[in-house]
Amino acid sequence: MDPETADLILALQWQDLEHVKMTSKGKGRETDVLSDADVAIQLQQQEFEQAGYQIADRRMAESIHRAVLDDGASVVILASKENQAADDHSLAYQLASPTEKAACDRHLAVQLNLRSLQSTPHPPSLTLEDDNISW
């Protein structure tokens, strides 16, 4: 059953339950013991709430499924390109001179520190001097 039909059925069932609640004779005080009918109404409400959650969960699962089908090939291609770029960087680093490696290491350290600062709510002030971070 599609989610729209399930929503309609659930909405109609809620209306029926509300009608039953309004026409029921059990209008006792809060301290009174609940009648069997009142308990049945409460249980039915809980079941309808659970059904609503299940419909929402199904919608979410179907949305994720569609996204995986629609975007899966693109993600595989991008991941492959990203892996190739990482392999290229690794090879370039292995072939680099010690001076080039040191410069690359300093640049990477700066990038990692800047990323960690972006994720903190209130980063301390810092200055960048020749790719070195000083606090």
N, C-alpha and C. Protein backbone atom coordinates (compact mmCIF):
# COMPACT_ATOMS: atom_id res chain seq x y z
N MET A 1 0.85 -1.17 0.00
CA MET A 1 0.00 0.00 0.00
C MET A 1 0.90 1.24 0.00
N ASP A 2 0.56 2.21 -0.84
CA ASP A 2 1.37 3.42 -0.91
C ASP A 2 1.11 4.30 0.32
N PRO A 3 2.07 5.16 0.68
CA PRO A 3 1.95 5.97 1.89
C PRO A 3 0.74 6.92 1.88
N GLU A 4 0.36 7.42 0.72
CA GLU A 4 -0.78 8.33 0.65
C GLU A 4 -2.07 7.62 1.03
N THR A 5 -2.24 6.40 0.54
CA THR A 5 -3.43 5.62 0.89
C THR A 5 -3.41 5.28 2.38
N ALA A 6 -2.23 4.91 2.89
CA ALA A 6 -2.11 4.60 4.32
C ALA A 6 -2.44 5.82 5.16
N ASP A 7 -1.98 7.00 4.72
CA ASP A 7 -2.32 8.25 5.43
C ASP A 7 -3.82 8.49 5.45
N LEU A 8 -4.47 8.28 4.33
CA LEU A 8 -5.92 8.48 4.24
C LEU A 8 -6.66 7.52 5.16
N ILE A 9 -6.28 6.26 5.13
CA ILE A 9 -6.93 5.27 5.99
C ILE A 9 -6.74 5.64 7.46
N LEU A 10 -5.53 6.01 7.82
CA LEU A 10 -5.25 6.38 9.20
C LEU A 10 -6.04 7.63 9.62
N ALA A 11 -6.13 8.61 8.72
CA ALA A 11 -6.90 9.82 9.03
C ALA A 11 -8.37 9.49 9.25
N LEU A 12 -8.93 8.61 8.43
CA LEU A 12 -10.33 8.22 8.61
C LEU A 12 -10.52 7.45 9.92
N GLN A 13 -9.56 6.61 10.26
CA GLN A 13 -9.66 5.88 11.51
C GLN A 13 -9.59 6.83 12.71
N TRP A 14 -8.74 7.84 12.61
CA TRP A 14 -8.66 8.85 13.68
C TRP A 14 -9.99 9.57 13.82
N GLN A 15 -10.60 9.92 12.69
CA GLN A 15 -11.90 10.59 12.74
C GLN A 15 -12.94 9.70 13.42
N ASP A 16 -12.95 8.44 13.06
CA ASP A 16 -13.88 7.50 13.68
C ASP A 16 -13.65 7.43 15.19
N LEU A 17 -12.41 7.37 15.59
CA LEU A 17 -12.09 7.28 17.01
C LEU A 17 -12.52 8.55 17.75
N GLU A 18 -12.28 9.70 17.13
CA GLU A 18 -12.70 10.96 17.75
C GLU A 18 -14.22 11.00 17.91
N HIS A 19 -14.92 10.49 16.91
CA HIS A 19 -16.39 10.44 16.99
C HIS A 19 -16.82 9.53 18.15
N VAL A 20 -16.19 8.39 18.29
CA VAL A 20 -16.51 7.48 19.38
C VAL A 20 -16.24 8.15 20.73
N LYS A 21 -15.12 8.86 20.82
CA LYS A 21 -14.78 9.53 22.08
C LYS A 21 -15.82 10.60 22.44
N MET A 22 -16.26 11.34 21.44
CA MET A 22 -17.23 12.42 21.70
C MET A 22 -18.60 11.87 22.07
N THR A 23 -18.96 10.71 21.55
CA THR A 23 -20.30 10.18 21.81
C THR A 23 -20.32 9.18 22.96
N SER A 24 -19.15 8.86 23.52
CA SER A 24 -19.14 7.90 24.62
C SER A 24 -19.74 8.52 25.87
N LYS A 25 -20.33 7.68 26.70
CA LYS A 25 -21.02 8.16 27.89
C LYS A 25 -20.08 8.29 29.06
N GLY A 26 -18.85 7.78 28.97
CA GLY A 26 -17.93 7.81 30.10
C GLY A 26 -17.31 9.16 30.34
N LYS A 27 -18.04 10.07 30.94
CA LYS A 27 -17.54 11.41 31.19
C LYS A 27 -17.31 11.57 32.70
N GLY A 28 -16.68 10.59 33.32
CA GLY A 28 -16.45 10.61 34.75
C GLY A 28 -15.32 11.54 35.14
N ARG A 29 -15.08 11.61 36.44
CA ARG A 29 -13.99 12.42 36.96
C ARG A 29 -12.65 11.74 36.69
N GLU A 30 -11.55 12.52 36.82
CA GLU A 30 -10.22 11.97 36.55
C GLU A 30 -9.86 10.88 37.54
N THR A 31 -10.41 10.94 38.75
CA THR A 31 -10.07 9.94 39.77
C THR A 31 -10.84 8.65 39.58
N ASP A 32 -11.84 8.65 38.72
CA ASP A 32 -12.62 7.44 38.47
C ASP A 32 -11.78 6.40 37.75
N VAL A 33 -12.13 5.15 37.97
CA VAL A 33 -11.48 4.05 37.25
C VAL A 33 -11.97 4.09 35.81
N LEU A 34 -11.03 3.88 34.89
CA LEU A 34 -11.40 3.91 33.47
C LEU A 34 -12.25 2.70 33.12
N SER A 35 -13.23 2.94 32.27
CA SER A 35 -14.06 1.83 31.80
C SER A 35 -13.30 1.05 30.74
N ASP A 36 -13.79 -0.11 30.42
CA ASP A 36 -13.17 -0.92 29.36
C ASP A 36 -13.14 -0.16 28.05
N ALA A 37 -14.22 0.57 27.77
CA ALA A 37 -14.28 1.35 26.53
C ALA A 37 -13.21 2.43 26.51
N ASP A 38 -12.99 3.10 27.64
CA ASP A 38 -11.96 4.15 27.71
C ASP A 38 -10.57 3.56 27.50
N VAL A 39 -10.34 2.41 28.11
CA VAL A 39 -9.05 1.74 27.94
C VAL A 39 -8.87 1.33 26.48
N ALA A 40 -9.92 0.82 25.87
CA ALA A 40 -9.85 0.44 24.45
C ALA A 40 -9.55 1.65 23.58
N ILE A 41 -10.16 2.79 23.88
CA ILE A 41 -9.90 4.01 23.10
C ILE A 41 -8.44 4.43 23.24
N GLN A 42 -7.92 4.38 24.47
CA GLN A 42 -6.51 4.75 24.68
C GLN A 42 -5.58 3.82 23.91
N LEU A 43 -5.87 2.54 23.96
CA LEU A 43 -5.04 1.58 23.23
C LEU A 43 -5.11 1.82 21.73
N GLN A 44 -6.29 2.14 21.24
CA GLN A 44 -6.45 2.40 19.81
C GLN A 44 -5.67 3.65 19.41
N GLN A 45 -5.69 4.67 20.26
CA GLN A 45 -4.92 5.88 19.98
C GLN A 45 -3.43 5.56 19.88
N GLN A 46 -2.94 4.73 20.80
CA GLN A 46 -1.53 4.34 20.77
C GLN A 46 -1.20 3.59 19.48
N GLU A 47 -2.10 2.72 19.07
CA GLU A 47 -1.87 1.98 17.83
C GLU A 47 -1.85 2.91 16.62
N PHE A 48 -2.74 3.90 16.60
CA PHE A 48 -2.76 4.85 15.49
C PHE A 48 -1.48 5.68 15.47
N GLU A 49 -0.99 6.07 16.65
CA GLU A 49 0.26 6.82 16.71
C GLU A 49 1.41 5.99 16.15
N GLN A 50 1.47 4.73 16.55
CA GLN A 50 2.51 3.83 16.04
C GLN A 50 2.39 3.64 14.53
N ALA A 51 1.16 3.53 14.05
CA ALA A 51 0.96 3.40 12.60
C ALA A 51 1.46 4.65 11.87
N GLY A 52 1.21 5.81 12.46
CA GLY A 52 1.72 7.06 11.86
C GLY A 52 3.23 7.07 11.79
N TYR A 53 3.89 6.60 12.86
CA TYR A 53 5.35 6.53 12.86
C TYR A 53 5.85 5.55 11.80
N GLN A 54 5.15 4.43 11.66
CA GLN A 54 5.56 3.45 10.66
C GLN A 54 5.43 4.00 9.24
N ILE A 55 4.36 4.76 9.00
CA ILE A 55 4.19 5.37 7.68
C ILE A 55 5.31 6.37 7.41
N ALA A 56 5.63 7.18 8.41
CA ALA A 56 6.72 8.16 8.25
C ALA A 56 8.06 7.45 8.03
N ASP A 57 8.30 6.38 8.78
CA ASP A 57 9.54 5.61 8.61
C ASP A 57 9.62 5.01 7.21
N ARG A 58 8.50 4.50 6.74
CA ARG A 58 8.49 3.91 5.39
C ARG A 58 8.78 4.97 4.33
N ARG A 59 8.18 6.15 4.50
CA ARG A 59 8.46 7.24 3.56
C ARG A 59 9.95 7.58 3.54
N MET A 60 10.55 7.65 4.73
CA MET A 60 11.97 7.97 4.82
C MET A 60 12.81 6.88 4.15
N ALA A 61 12.48 5.63 4.40
CA ALA A 61 13.22 4.52 3.79
C ALA A 61 13.10 4.55 2.26
N GLU A 62 11.90 4.84 1.77
CA GLU A 62 11.71 4.91 0.32
C GLU A 62 12.49 6.09 -0.28
N SER A 63 12.54 7.19 0.45
CA SER A 63 13.30 8.35 -0.02
C SER A 63 14.80 8.03 -0.09
N ILE A 64 15.30 7.37 0.94
CA ILE A 64 16.71 6.98 0.94
C ILE A 64 16.99 5.99 -0.19
N HIS A 65 16.08 5.06 -0.38
CA HIS A 65 16.23 4.07 -1.46
C HIS A 65 16.30 4.77 -2.82
N ARG A 66 15.40 5.73 -3.04
CA ARG A 66 15.43 6.46 -4.32
C ARG A 66 16.73 7.24 -4.48
N ALA A 67 17.20 7.85 -3.40
CA ALA A 67 18.44 8.62 -3.47
C ALA A 67 19.63 7.72 -3.80
N VAL A 68 19.66 6.53 -3.21
CA VAL A 68 20.75 5.59 -3.49
C VAL A 68 20.70 5.16 -4.95
N LEU A 69 19.50 4.86 -5.43
CA LEU A 69 19.38 4.46 -6.84
C LEU A 69 19.75 5.59 -7.79
N ASP A 70 19.28 6.80 -7.47
CA ASP A 70 19.53 7.95 -8.35
C ASP A 70 20.98 8.42 -8.31
N ASP A 71 21.58 8.39 -7.13
CA ASP A 71 22.90 8.99 -6.96
C ASP A 71 24.02 7.98 -6.78
N GLY A 72 23.69 6.70 -6.69
CA GLY A 72 24.70 5.69 -6.41
C GLY A 72 25.84 5.67 -7.41
N ALA A 73 25.53 5.73 -8.69
CA ALA A 73 26.59 5.69 -9.71
C ALA A 73 27.49 6.91 -9.61
N SER A 74 26.89 8.07 -9.36
CA SER A 74 27.69 9.30 -9.22
C SER A 74 28.62 9.22 -8.02
N VAL A 75 28.12 8.66 -6.92
CA VAL A 75 28.94 8.53 -5.72
C VAL A 75 30.11 7.58 -5.98
N VAL A 76 29.88 6.50 -6.68
CA VAL A 76 30.95 5.55 -7.01
C VAL A 76 32.01 6.23 -7.88
N ILE A 77 31.57 7.00 -8.87
CA ILE A 77 32.52 7.70 -9.75
C ILE A 77 33.33 8.72 -8.97
N LEU A 78 32.65 9.50 -8.12
CA LEU A 78 33.37 10.51 -7.32
C LEU A 78 34.33 9.86 -6.34
N ALA A 79 33.93 8.76 -5.72
CA ALA A 79 34.82 8.06 -4.79
C ALA A 79 36.05 7.52 -5.54
N SER A 80 35.84 7.02 -6.73
CA SER A 80 36.96 6.51 -7.53
C SER A 80 37.93 7.65 -7.88
N LYS A 81 37.39 8.80 -8.26
CA LYS A 81 38.25 9.95 -8.58
C LYS A 81 38.99 10.42 -7.34
N GLU A 82 38.31 10.41 -6.20
CA GLU A 82 38.93 10.83 -4.94
C GLU A 82 40.06 9.87 -4.57
N ASN A 83 39.84 8.58 -4.74
CA ASN A 83 40.89 7.59 -4.47
C ASN A 83 42.07 7.77 -5.41
N GLN A 84 41.78 8.05 -6.68
CA GLN A 84 42.87 8.27 -7.64
C GLN A 84 43.67 9.51 -7.25
N ALA A 85 43.00 10.57 -6.84
CA ALA A 85 43.69 11.79 -6.42
C ALA A 85 44.56 11.52 -5.19
N ALA A 86 44.06 10.73 -4.25
CA ALA A 86 44.84 10.40 -3.06
C ALA A 86 46.07 9.58 -3.45
N ASP A 87 45.90 8.65 -4.36
CA ASP A 87 47.05 7.86 -4.84
C ASP A 87 48.07 8.77 -5.53
N ASP A 88 47.61 9.71 -6.35
CA ASP A 88 48.50 10.65 -7.03
C ASP A 88 49.27 11.50 -6.03
N HIS A 89 48.57 11.99 -5.00
CA HIS A 89 49.24 12.81 -3.97
C HIS A 89 50.29 11.98 -3.23
N SER A 90 49.95 10.74 -2.93
CA SER A 90 50.89 9.86 -2.23
C SER A 90 52.15 9.63 -3.07
N LEU A 91 51.97 9.37 -4.35
CA LEU A 91 53.10 9.16 -5.23
C LEU A 91 53.95 10.43 -5.36
N ALA A 92 53.28 11.56 -5.50
CA ALA A 92 54.01 12.83 -5.60
C ALA A 92 54.81 13.10 -4.33
N TYR A 93 54.26 12.77 -3.18
CA TYR A 93 54.95 12.98 -1.91
C TYR A 93 56.18 12.07 -1.82
N GLN A 94 56.04 10.82 -2.29
CA GLN A 94 57.17 9.89 -2.26
C GLN A 94 58.30 10.36 -3.16
N LEU A 95 57.94 11.01 -4.26
CA LEU A 95 58.97 11.47 -5.22
C LEU A 95 59.52 12.85 -4.89
N ALA A 96 58.93 13.54 -3.91
CA ALA A 96 59.33 14.92 -3.59
C ALA A 96 60.66 14.95 -2.85
N SER A 97 61.32 16.11 -2.95
CA SER A 97 62.57 16.32 -2.21
C SER A 97 62.23 16.58 -0.74
N PRO A 98 63.21 16.48 0.15
CA PRO A 98 62.95 16.75 1.57
C PRO A 98 62.38 18.16 1.83
N THR A 99 62.84 19.14 1.08
CA THR A 99 62.34 20.51 1.25
C THR A 99 60.87 20.58 0.85
N GLU A 100 60.52 19.94 -0.26
CA GLU A 100 59.14 19.92 -0.72
C GLU A 100 58.24 19.17 0.27
N LYS A 101 58.78 18.07 0.84
CA LYS A 101 58.01 17.31 1.82
C LYS A 101 57.74 18.16 3.06
N ALA A 102 58.73 18.92 3.51
CA ALA A 102 58.56 19.77 4.70
C ALA A 102 57.50 20.83 4.44
N ALA A 103 57.53 21.44 3.26
CA ALA A 103 56.54 22.45 2.91
C ALA A 103 55.14 21.84 2.86
N CYS A 104 55.05 20.65 2.31
CA CYS A 104 53.78 19.96 2.22
C CYS A 104 53.26 19.62 3.62
N ASP A 105 54.14 19.17 4.50
CA ASP A 105 53.75 18.83 5.87
C ASP A 105 53.25 20.07 6.62
N ARG A 106 53.94 21.21 6.45
CA ARG A 106 53.50 22.46 7.10
C ARG A 106 52.12 22.87 6.59
N HIS A 107 51.93 22.78 5.29
CA HIS A 107 50.63 23.15 4.69
C HIS A 107 49.52 22.25 5.23
N LEU A 108 49.79 20.95 5.31
CA LEU A 108 48.79 20.01 5.82
C LEU A 108 48.46 20.31 7.28
N ALA A 109 49.46 20.61 8.09
CA ALA A 109 49.23 20.93 9.50
C ALA A 109 48.35 22.16 9.65
N VAL A 110 48.61 23.17 8.83
CA VAL A 110 47.80 24.39 8.88
C VAL A 110 46.36 24.07 8.50
N GLN A 111 46.17 23.30 7.43
CA GLN A 111 44.81 22.96 6.99
C GLN A 111 44.06 22.18 8.06
N LEU A 112 44.73 21.22 8.70
CA LEU A 112 44.09 20.42 9.74
C LEU A 112 43.73 21.28 10.95
N ASN A 113 44.62 22.19 11.33
CA ASN A 113 44.33 23.07 12.46
C ASN A 113 43.17 24.01 12.15
N LEU A 114 43.12 24.53 10.94
CA LEU A 114 42.03 25.42 10.56
C LEU A 114 40.69 24.68 10.56
N ARG A 115 40.70 23.44 10.09
CA ARG A 115 39.46 22.65 10.09
C ARG A 115 38.98 22.36 11.50
N SER A 116 39.92 22.06 12.39
CA SER A 116 39.51 21.77 13.77
C SER A 116 38.99 23.03 14.44
N LEU A 117 39.52 24.19 14.08
CA LEU A 117 39.04 25.45 14.65
C LEU A 117 37.64 25.78 14.15
N GLN A 118 37.35 25.43 12.91
CA GLN A 118 36.02 25.70 12.35
C GLN A 118 34.96 24.89 13.06
N SER A 119 35.31 23.75 13.62
CA SER A 119 34.32 22.91 14.28
C SER A 119 34.12 23.27 15.75
N THR A 120 35.01 24.11 16.32
CA THR A 120 34.82 24.53 17.71
C THR A 120 33.90 25.74 17.75
N PRO A 121 33.02 25.81 18.76
CA PRO A 121 32.04 26.90 18.83
C PRO A 121 32.68 28.27 18.98
N HIS A 122 33.71 28.40 19.83
CA HIS A 122 34.37 29.69 20.05
C HIS A 122 35.88 29.50 19.99
N PRO A 123 36.45 29.48 18.78
CA PRO A 123 37.89 29.21 18.68
C PRO A 123 38.72 30.35 19.25
N PRO A 124 39.87 30.02 19.83
CA PRO A 124 40.76 31.08 20.31
C PRO A 124 41.34 31.84 19.13
N SER A 125 41.79 33.04 19.39
CA SER A 125 42.36 33.83 18.29
C SER A 125 43.71 33.24 17.92
N LEU A 126 44.08 33.36 16.66
CA LEU A 126 45.33 32.82 16.19
C LEU A 126 45.89 33.70 15.08
N THR A 127 47.16 33.53 14.84
CA THR A 127 47.81 34.24 13.73
C THR A 127 48.53 33.21 12.88
N LEU A 128 48.57 33.46 11.58
CA LEU A 128 49.27 32.58 10.66
C LEU A 128 50.54 33.28 10.21
N GLU A 129 51.67 32.65 10.47
CA GLU A 129 52.95 33.21 10.05
C GLU A 129 53.75 32.11 9.37
N ASP A 130 54.02 32.27 8.11
CA ASP A 130 54.82 31.30 7.36
C ASP A 130 54.29 29.87 7.56
N ASP A 131 53.01 29.69 7.42
CA ASP A 131 52.37 28.38 7.55
C ASP A 131 52.46 27.79 8.97
N ASN A 132 52.87 28.57 9.96
CA ASN A 132 52.90 28.09 11.34
C ASN A 132 51.79 28.78 12.11
N ILE A 133 51.12 28.04 12.96
CA ILE A 133 50.06 28.63 13.77
C ILE A 133 50.64 28.94 15.13
N SER A 134 50.43 30.16 15.59
CA SER A 134 50.85 30.52 16.94
C SER A 134 49.64 31.01 17.70
N TRP A 135 49.57 30.62 18.92
CA TRP A 135 48.42 30.98 19.77
C TRP A 135 48.75 32.17 20.62
